[in-house]
Amino acid sequence: MNTRMLAVSLLVACSTGTSLAADMLDVGKMEYESACAVCHGLSGKGDGYMKSQLTNRVPDLTVLARNNKGVFPFDRVYQIIDGRQEVKSHGTREMPVWGRSFNLQSSIYFENYPRQDVESAARSRILALTEYIYRLQAK
């Protein structure tokens, strides 16, 4: 292969890789839209269409960092989403326990996980979801 063909091949490979990266799946966003948006709204401001059906006010997820002296409370958000460990400050358990749910169901986003490692897949989904909520924070 001559130098010119090699250069063209590298350019095609690089441009294809860039295109694939732009089309990558945003797992956190998809998990949020399928599990959280009904109550918290697509924007995270607590304006989901199920809001009127709930007895407690739905929290605005976009101000978590602001309400915590500018630091996103990553561990706390993870634990609230997971729900298997009681979080006293969260109050009653009106929000679904997603950790248990994610363990019981498979995810199209993590099909490559071995069946015996569903806990790892559940943790990956919760981490992706927590990271997406971090991205929702008001600037």
N, C-alpha and C. Protein backbone atom coordinates (compact mmCIF):
# COMPACT_ATOMS: atom_id res chain seq x y z
N MET A 1 0.86 -1.18 0.00
CA MET A 1 0.00 0.00 0.00
C MET A 1 0.90 1.23 0.00
N ASN A 2 0.65 2.12 -0.93
CA ASN A 2 1.49 3.31 -0.99
C ASN A 2 1.09 4.31 0.07
N THR A 3 1.86 5.34 0.25
CA THR A 3 1.66 6.34 1.29
C THR A 3 0.35 7.10 1.10
N ARG A 4 0.02 7.41 -0.14
CA ARG A 4 -1.21 8.15 -0.42
C ARG A 4 -2.44 7.32 -0.02
N MET A 5 -2.45 6.05 -0.36
CA MET A 5 -3.58 5.17 -0.01
C MET A 5 -3.70 5.03 1.51
N LEU A 6 -2.56 4.94 2.17
CA LEU A 6 -2.57 4.84 3.63
C LEU A 6 -3.15 6.10 4.25
N ALA A 7 -2.77 7.26 3.75
CA ALA A 7 -3.28 8.53 4.26
C ALA A 7 -4.79 8.64 4.05
N VAL A 8 -5.26 8.26 2.86
CA VAL A 8 -6.70 8.29 2.58
C VAL A 8 -7.44 7.33 3.50
N SER A 9 -6.90 6.15 3.69
CA SER A 9 -7.53 5.16 4.58
C SER A 9 -7.63 5.68 6.01
N LEU A 10 -6.58 6.34 6.48
CA LEU A 10 -6.59 6.91 7.83
C LEU A 10 -7.61 8.03 7.96
N LEU A 11 -7.71 8.88 6.93
CA LEU A 11 -8.69 9.96 6.96
C LEU A 11 -10.11 9.41 6.99
N VAL A 12 -10.39 8.39 6.20
CA VAL A 12 -11.72 7.78 6.19
C VAL A 12 -12.01 7.15 7.54
N ALA A 13 -11.06 6.44 8.09
CA ALA A 13 -11.25 5.80 9.39
C ALA A 13 -11.49 6.83 10.48
N CYS A 14 -10.74 7.91 10.47
CA CYS A 14 -10.90 8.95 11.49
C CYS A 14 -12.25 9.65 11.36
N SER A 15 -12.66 9.96 10.14
CA SER A 15 -13.94 10.66 9.98
C SER A 15 -15.10 9.73 10.34
N THR A 16 -14.98 8.45 10.05
CA THR A 16 -16.03 7.50 10.44
C THR A 16 -16.09 7.39 11.95
N GLY A 17 -14.94 7.36 12.61
CA GLY A 17 -14.91 7.28 14.08
C GLY A 17 -15.56 8.49 14.71
N THR A 18 -15.32 9.67 14.15
CA THR A 18 -15.92 10.89 14.68
C THR A 18 -17.43 10.84 14.53
N SER A 19 -17.88 10.37 13.38
CA SER A 19 -19.32 10.26 13.14
C SER A 19 -19.95 9.26 14.12
N LEU A 20 -19.28 8.15 14.35
CA LEU A 20 -19.81 7.15 15.29
C LEU A 20 -19.86 7.71 16.71
N ALA A 21 -18.85 8.47 17.09
CA ALA A 21 -18.82 9.05 18.44
C ALA A 21 -19.99 10.01 18.63
N ALA A 22 -20.31 10.78 17.60
CA ALA A 22 -21.41 11.73 17.70
C ALA A 22 -22.75 11.02 17.84
N ASP A 23 -22.85 9.82 17.30
CA ASP A 23 -24.09 9.05 17.34
C ASP A 23 -24.17 8.10 18.54
N MET A 24 -23.21 8.17 19.44
CA MET A 24 -23.19 7.24 20.58
C MET A 24 -24.43 7.42 21.45
N LEU A 25 -24.81 6.37 22.05
CA LEU A 25 -25.98 6.33 22.91
C LEU A 25 -25.71 7.05 24.22
N ASP A 26 -26.59 7.93 24.64
CA ASP A 26 -26.49 8.62 25.92
C ASP A 26 -27.32 7.82 26.92
N VAL A 27 -26.68 6.86 27.57
CA VAL A 27 -27.38 5.93 28.46
C VAL A 27 -28.06 6.68 29.61
N GLY A 28 -27.36 7.62 30.22
CA GLY A 28 -27.95 8.37 31.34
C GLY A 28 -29.21 9.10 30.94
N LYS A 29 -29.18 9.75 29.80
CA LYS A 29 -30.35 10.48 29.32
C LYS A 29 -31.51 9.53 29.03
N MET A 30 -31.20 8.40 28.39
CA MET A 30 -32.26 7.44 28.08
C MET A 30 -32.86 6.83 29.34
N GLU A 31 -32.03 6.54 30.34
CA GLU A 31 -32.54 6.01 31.60
C GLU A 31 -33.42 7.06 32.27
N TYR A 32 -32.97 8.32 32.25
CA TYR A 32 -33.73 9.40 32.86
C TYR A 32 -35.10 9.54 32.18
N GLU A 33 -35.09 9.58 30.86
CA GLU A 33 -36.35 9.76 30.13
C GLU A 33 -37.31 8.60 30.34
N SER A 34 -36.79 7.39 30.54
CA SER A 34 -37.68 6.25 30.71
C SER A 34 -38.10 6.02 32.16
N ALA A 35 -37.32 6.49 33.12
CA ALA A 35 -37.64 6.20 34.52
C ALA A 35 -38.01 7.43 35.35
N CYS A 36 -37.51 8.59 35.01
CA CYS A 36 -37.63 9.76 35.89
C CYS A 36 -38.49 10.89 35.35
N ALA A 37 -38.50 11.04 34.04
CA ALA A 37 -39.14 12.21 33.43
C ALA A 37 -40.64 12.28 33.68
N VAL A 38 -41.29 11.14 33.92
CA VAL A 38 -42.74 11.18 34.16
C VAL A 38 -43.08 12.02 35.39
N CYS A 39 -42.20 12.04 36.36
CA CYS A 39 -42.43 12.85 37.57
C CYS A 39 -41.61 14.13 37.55
N HIS A 40 -40.32 14.01 37.22
CA HIS A 40 -39.41 15.16 37.30
C HIS A 40 -39.42 16.03 36.05
N GLY A 41 -40.04 15.57 34.97
CA GLY A 41 -40.09 16.33 33.72
C GLY A 41 -38.82 16.15 32.91
N LEU A 42 -38.91 16.36 31.62
CA LEU A 42 -37.73 16.22 30.76
C LEU A 42 -36.62 17.18 31.15
N SER A 43 -36.97 18.34 31.65
CA SER A 43 -35.96 19.34 32.04
C SER A 43 -35.41 19.09 33.44
N GLY A 44 -36.07 18.23 34.23
CA GLY A 44 -35.63 17.97 35.60
C GLY A 44 -36.18 18.94 36.63
N LYS A 45 -37.06 19.83 36.23
CA LYS A 45 -37.55 20.88 37.12
C LYS A 45 -38.76 20.45 37.97
N GLY A 46 -39.14 19.18 37.91
CA GLY A 46 -40.26 18.70 38.73
C GLY A 46 -41.61 18.92 38.08
N ASP A 47 -41.62 19.06 36.77
CA ASP A 47 -42.86 19.36 36.07
C ASP A 47 -43.33 18.22 35.16
N GLY A 48 -43.08 16.98 35.58
CA GLY A 48 -43.53 15.84 34.79
C GLY A 48 -45.04 15.69 34.83
N TYR A 49 -45.58 14.96 33.88
CA TYR A 49 -47.04 14.87 33.79
C TYR A 49 -47.67 14.09 34.94
N MET A 50 -46.92 13.33 35.70
CA MET A 50 -47.48 12.61 36.86
C MET A 50 -47.45 13.45 38.14
N LYS A 51 -46.88 14.62 38.09
CA LYS A 51 -46.72 15.48 39.26
C LYS A 51 -48.04 15.68 40.00
N SER A 52 -49.11 15.86 39.29
CA SER A 52 -50.40 16.12 39.94
C SER A 52 -50.96 14.89 40.66
N GLN A 53 -50.43 13.72 40.36
CA GLN A 53 -50.90 12.49 40.97
C GLN A 53 -50.18 12.16 42.28
N LEU A 54 -49.13 12.90 42.60
CA LEU A 54 -48.30 12.59 43.76
C LEU A 54 -48.69 13.46 44.95
N THR A 55 -48.54 12.92 46.14
CA THR A 55 -48.87 13.68 47.34
C THR A 55 -47.75 14.63 47.75
N ASN A 56 -46.50 14.25 47.54
CA ASN A 56 -45.37 15.11 47.87
C ASN A 56 -44.94 15.92 46.66
N ARG A 57 -44.41 17.10 46.92
CA ARG A 57 -43.88 17.96 45.85
C ARG A 57 -42.71 17.25 45.17
N VAL A 58 -42.68 17.29 43.86
CA VAL A 58 -41.59 16.67 43.10
C VAL A 58 -40.40 17.62 43.09
N PRO A 59 -39.24 17.17 43.55
CA PRO A 59 -38.07 18.05 43.62
C PRO A 59 -37.58 18.51 42.25
N ASP A 60 -37.07 19.73 42.22
CA ASP A 60 -36.40 20.29 41.05
C ASP A 60 -34.98 19.75 41.08
N LEU A 61 -34.65 18.86 40.15
CA LEU A 61 -33.33 18.23 40.13
C LEU A 61 -32.24 19.14 39.58
N THR A 62 -32.62 20.29 39.04
CA THR A 62 -31.63 21.17 38.43
C THR A 62 -30.92 22.07 39.45
N VAL A 63 -31.38 22.07 40.69
CA VAL A 63 -30.78 22.95 41.71
C VAL A 63 -30.12 22.17 42.85
N LEU A 64 -29.85 20.89 42.63
CA LEU A 64 -29.24 20.08 43.68
C LEU A 64 -27.87 20.62 44.09
N ALA A 65 -27.06 20.99 43.11
CA ALA A 65 -25.73 21.54 43.42
C ALA A 65 -25.86 22.90 44.11
N ARG A 66 -26.72 23.76 43.57
CA ARG A 66 -26.90 25.09 44.17
C ARG A 66 -27.35 24.96 45.62
N ASN A 67 -28.24 24.03 45.91
CA ASN A 67 -28.73 23.84 47.27
C ASN A 67 -27.73 23.14 48.18
N ASN A 68 -26.60 22.72 47.62
CA ASN A 68 -25.56 22.04 48.38
C ASN A 68 -24.24 22.83 48.28
N LYS A 69 -24.34 24.15 48.40
CA LYS A 69 -23.18 25.05 48.39
C LYS A 69 -22.34 24.91 47.11
N GLY A 70 -23.02 24.67 45.98
CA GLY A 70 -22.34 24.61 44.70
C GLY A 70 -21.71 23.27 44.35
N VAL A 71 -21.88 22.28 45.20
CA VAL A 71 -21.28 20.97 44.96
C VAL A 71 -22.40 19.95 44.70
N PHE A 72 -22.32 19.28 43.57
CA PHE A 72 -23.33 18.26 43.26
C PHE A 72 -23.17 17.09 44.22
N PRO A 73 -24.23 16.72 44.96
CA PRO A 73 -24.15 15.64 45.96
C PRO A 73 -24.24 14.26 45.30
N PHE A 74 -23.20 13.87 44.59
CA PHE A 74 -23.21 12.67 43.77
C PHE A 74 -23.61 11.42 44.56
N ASP A 75 -22.95 11.18 45.69
CA ASP A 75 -23.23 9.97 46.47
C ASP A 75 -24.68 9.95 46.96
N ARG A 76 -25.16 11.07 47.42
CA ARG A 76 -26.53 11.15 47.93
C ARG A 76 -27.54 10.88 46.81
N VAL A 77 -27.32 11.47 45.64
CA VAL A 77 -28.21 11.24 44.51
C VAL A 77 -28.18 9.77 44.11
N TYR A 78 -26.98 9.19 44.05
CA TYR A 78 -26.85 7.77 43.71
C TYR A 78 -27.66 6.92 44.69
N GLN A 79 -27.52 7.18 46.00
CA GLN A 79 -28.21 6.39 47.01
C GLN A 79 -29.73 6.56 46.93
N ILE A 80 -30.19 7.76 46.62
CA ILE A 80 -31.63 7.99 46.50
C ILE A 80 -32.18 7.23 45.30
N ILE A 81 -31.46 7.26 44.18
CA ILE A 81 -31.91 6.52 43.00
C ILE A 81 -31.89 5.03 43.30
N ASP A 82 -30.81 4.54 43.88
CA ASP A 82 -30.69 3.12 44.19
C ASP A 82 -31.81 2.69 45.13
N GLY A 83 -32.02 3.45 46.18
CA GLY A 83 -33.15 3.23 47.08
C GLY A 83 -33.10 2.02 47.97
N ARG A 84 -32.13 1.16 47.79
CA ARG A 84 -32.09 -0.03 48.64
C ARG A 84 -31.55 0.28 50.02
N GLN A 85 -30.85 1.40 50.13
CA GLN A 85 -30.40 1.87 51.44
C GLN A 85 -31.29 3.05 51.80
N GLU A 86 -31.94 2.99 52.93
CA GLU A 86 -32.85 4.05 53.35
C GLU A 86 -32.10 5.36 53.50
N VAL A 87 -32.65 6.41 52.93
CA VAL A 87 -32.06 7.74 53.04
C VAL A 87 -33.08 8.58 53.82
N LYS A 88 -32.80 8.79 55.12
CA LYS A 88 -33.77 9.46 55.99
C LYS A 88 -34.19 10.82 55.47
N SER A 89 -33.26 11.58 54.94
CA SER A 89 -33.60 12.92 54.49
C SER A 89 -34.54 12.91 53.29
N HIS A 90 -34.65 11.78 52.61
CA HIS A 90 -35.54 11.70 51.45
C HIS A 90 -36.99 11.56 51.88
N GLY A 91 -37.21 11.21 53.11
CA GLY A 91 -38.60 11.08 53.59
C GLY A 91 -39.17 9.73 53.21
N THR A 92 -40.47 9.72 52.96
CA THR A 92 -41.14 8.46 52.65
C THR A 92 -40.66 7.91 51.31
N ARG A 93 -40.93 6.68 51.09
CA ARG A 93 -40.46 5.98 49.90
C ARG A 93 -41.48 6.10 48.76
N GLU A 94 -41.90 7.32 48.45
CA GLU A 94 -42.84 7.50 47.35
C GLU A 94 -42.15 7.29 46.00
N MET A 95 -40.88 7.64 45.92
CA MET A 95 -40.13 7.44 44.68
C MET A 95 -39.83 5.95 44.53
N PRO A 96 -39.93 5.40 43.32
CA PRO A 96 -39.61 3.98 43.12
C PRO A 96 -38.17 3.65 43.49
N VAL A 97 -37.95 2.44 43.92
CA VAL A 97 -36.61 1.96 44.25
C VAL A 97 -36.01 1.41 42.95
N TRP A 98 -35.20 2.22 42.29
CA TRP A 98 -34.68 1.84 40.98
C TRP A 98 -33.58 0.80 41.08
N GLY A 99 -32.82 0.76 42.14
CA GLY A 99 -31.77 -0.25 42.27
C GLY A 99 -32.34 -1.65 42.19
N ARG A 100 -33.39 -1.92 42.92
CA ARG A 100 -34.05 -3.22 42.89
C ARG A 100 -34.65 -3.48 41.51
N SER A 101 -35.30 -2.47 40.95
CA SER A 101 -35.90 -2.60 39.62
C SER A 101 -34.85 -2.91 38.56
N PHE A 102 -33.74 -2.16 38.58
CA PHE A 102 -32.69 -2.37 37.59
C PHE A 102 -32.08 -3.76 37.75
N ASN A 103 -32.03 -4.28 38.96
CA ASN A 103 -31.50 -5.62 39.18
C ASN A 103 -32.43 -6.68 38.60
N LEU A 104 -33.73 -6.43 38.65
CA LEU A 104 -34.71 -7.42 38.21
C LEU A 104 -34.95 -7.42 36.71
N GLN A 105 -34.59 -6.35 36.06
CA GLN A 105 -34.83 -6.26 34.61
C GLN A 105 -33.52 -6.17 33.86
N SER A 106 -33.54 -6.65 32.64
CA SER A 106 -32.35 -6.48 31.82
C SER A 106 -32.42 -5.11 31.17
N SER A 107 -31.33 -4.66 30.66
CA SER A 107 -31.30 -3.36 29.99
C SER A 107 -30.74 -3.55 28.60
N ILE A 108 -31.39 -2.94 27.63
CA ILE A 108 -30.88 -3.03 26.26
C ILE A 108 -29.54 -2.33 26.14
N TYR A 109 -29.23 -1.45 27.08
CA TYR A 109 -27.97 -0.71 27.01
C TYR A 109 -26.79 -1.53 27.54
N PHE A 110 -27.06 -2.55 28.32
CA PHE A 110 -25.99 -3.33 28.94
C PHE A 110 -26.18 -4.82 28.65
N GLU A 111 -26.59 -5.17 27.44
CA GLU A 111 -26.83 -6.56 27.08
C GLU A 111 -25.57 -7.41 27.14
N ASN A 112 -24.41 -6.79 27.03
CA ASN A 112 -23.17 -7.54 27.02
C ASN A 112 -22.74 -8.02 28.41
N TYR A 113 -23.47 -7.64 29.47
CA TYR A 113 -23.13 -8.10 30.81
C TYR A 113 -23.52 -9.56 30.96
N PRO A 114 -22.64 -10.35 31.59
CA PRO A 114 -23.01 -11.75 31.86
C PRO A 114 -24.23 -11.78 32.80
N ARG A 115 -25.09 -12.74 32.64
CA ARG A 115 -26.31 -12.83 33.43
C ARG A 115 -26.01 -12.85 34.94
N GLN A 116 -24.92 -13.45 35.36
CA GLN A 116 -24.62 -13.52 36.79
C GLN A 116 -24.14 -12.19 37.36
N ASP A 117 -23.91 -11.21 36.50
CA ASP A 117 -23.41 -9.93 36.97
C ASP A 117 -24.45 -8.81 36.81
N VAL A 118 -25.70 -9.11 37.13
CA VAL A 118 -26.76 -8.11 36.99
C VAL A 118 -26.56 -6.95 37.96
N GLU A 119 -25.97 -7.19 39.11
CA GLU A 119 -25.72 -6.11 40.08
C GLU A 119 -24.80 -5.07 39.46
N SER A 120 -23.78 -5.50 38.75
CA SER A 120 -22.86 -4.58 38.10
C SER A 120 -23.59 -3.78 37.02
N ALA A 121 -24.47 -4.42 36.28
CA ALA A 121 -25.25 -3.71 35.26
C ALA A 121 -26.16 -2.68 35.92
N ALA A 122 -26.79 -3.04 37.04
CA ALA A 122 -27.66 -2.10 37.76
C ALA A 122 -26.86 -0.90 38.24
N ARG A 123 -25.68 -1.14 38.80
CA ARG A 123 -24.83 -0.03 39.26
C ARG A 123 -24.42 0.87 38.10
N SER A 124 -24.13 0.27 36.94
CA SER A 124 -23.76 1.06 35.76
C SER A 124 -24.90 1.96 35.33
N ARG A 125 -26.11 1.44 35.35
CA ARG A 125 -27.28 2.23 34.97
C ARG A 125 -27.50 3.39 35.96
N ILE A 126 -27.35 3.11 37.25
CA ILE A 126 -27.54 4.16 38.26
C ILE A 126 -26.45 5.22 38.14
N LEU A 127 -25.21 4.80 37.88
CA LEU A 127 -24.12 5.77 37.68
C LEU A 127 -24.39 6.65 36.47
N ALA A 128 -24.84 6.05 35.37
CA ALA A 128 -25.15 6.83 34.17
C ALA A 128 -26.27 7.82 34.45
N LEU A 129 -27.27 7.38 35.18
CA LEU A 129 -28.40 8.24 35.52
C LEU A 129 -27.97 9.38 36.43
N THR A 130 -27.15 9.08 37.42
CA THR A 130 -26.64 10.10 38.35
C THR A 130 -25.80 11.13 37.59
N GLU A 131 -24.97 10.66 36.68
CA GLU A 131 -24.14 11.56 35.89
C GLU A 131 -25.02 12.45 35.00
N TYR A 132 -26.10 11.91 34.47
CA TYR A 132 -27.00 12.72 33.65
C TYR A 132 -27.67 13.81 34.49
N ILE A 133 -28.08 13.48 35.71
CA ILE A 133 -28.68 14.49 36.60
C ILE A 133 -27.64 15.57 36.92
N TYR A 134 -26.40 15.18 37.05
CA TYR A 134 -25.32 16.16 37.23
C TYR A 134 -25.31 17.14 36.05
N ARG A 135 -25.48 16.63 34.83
CA ARG A 135 -25.48 17.48 33.64
C ARG A 135 -26.70 18.40 33.59
N LEU A 136 -27.76 18.08 34.31
CA LEU A 136 -28.96 18.92 34.33
C LEU A 136 -28.82 20.14 35.25
N GLN A 137 -27.76 20.21 36.02
CA GLN A 137 -27.63 21.29 37.01
C GLN A 137 -27.61 22.66 36.35
N ALA A 138 -28.33 23.59 36.97
CA ALA A 138 -28.39 24.98 36.49
C ALA A 138 -27.01 25.60 36.61
N LYS A 139 -26.66 26.37 35.63
CA LYS A 139 -25.34 27.03 35.64
C LYS A 139 -25.42 28.37 36.31
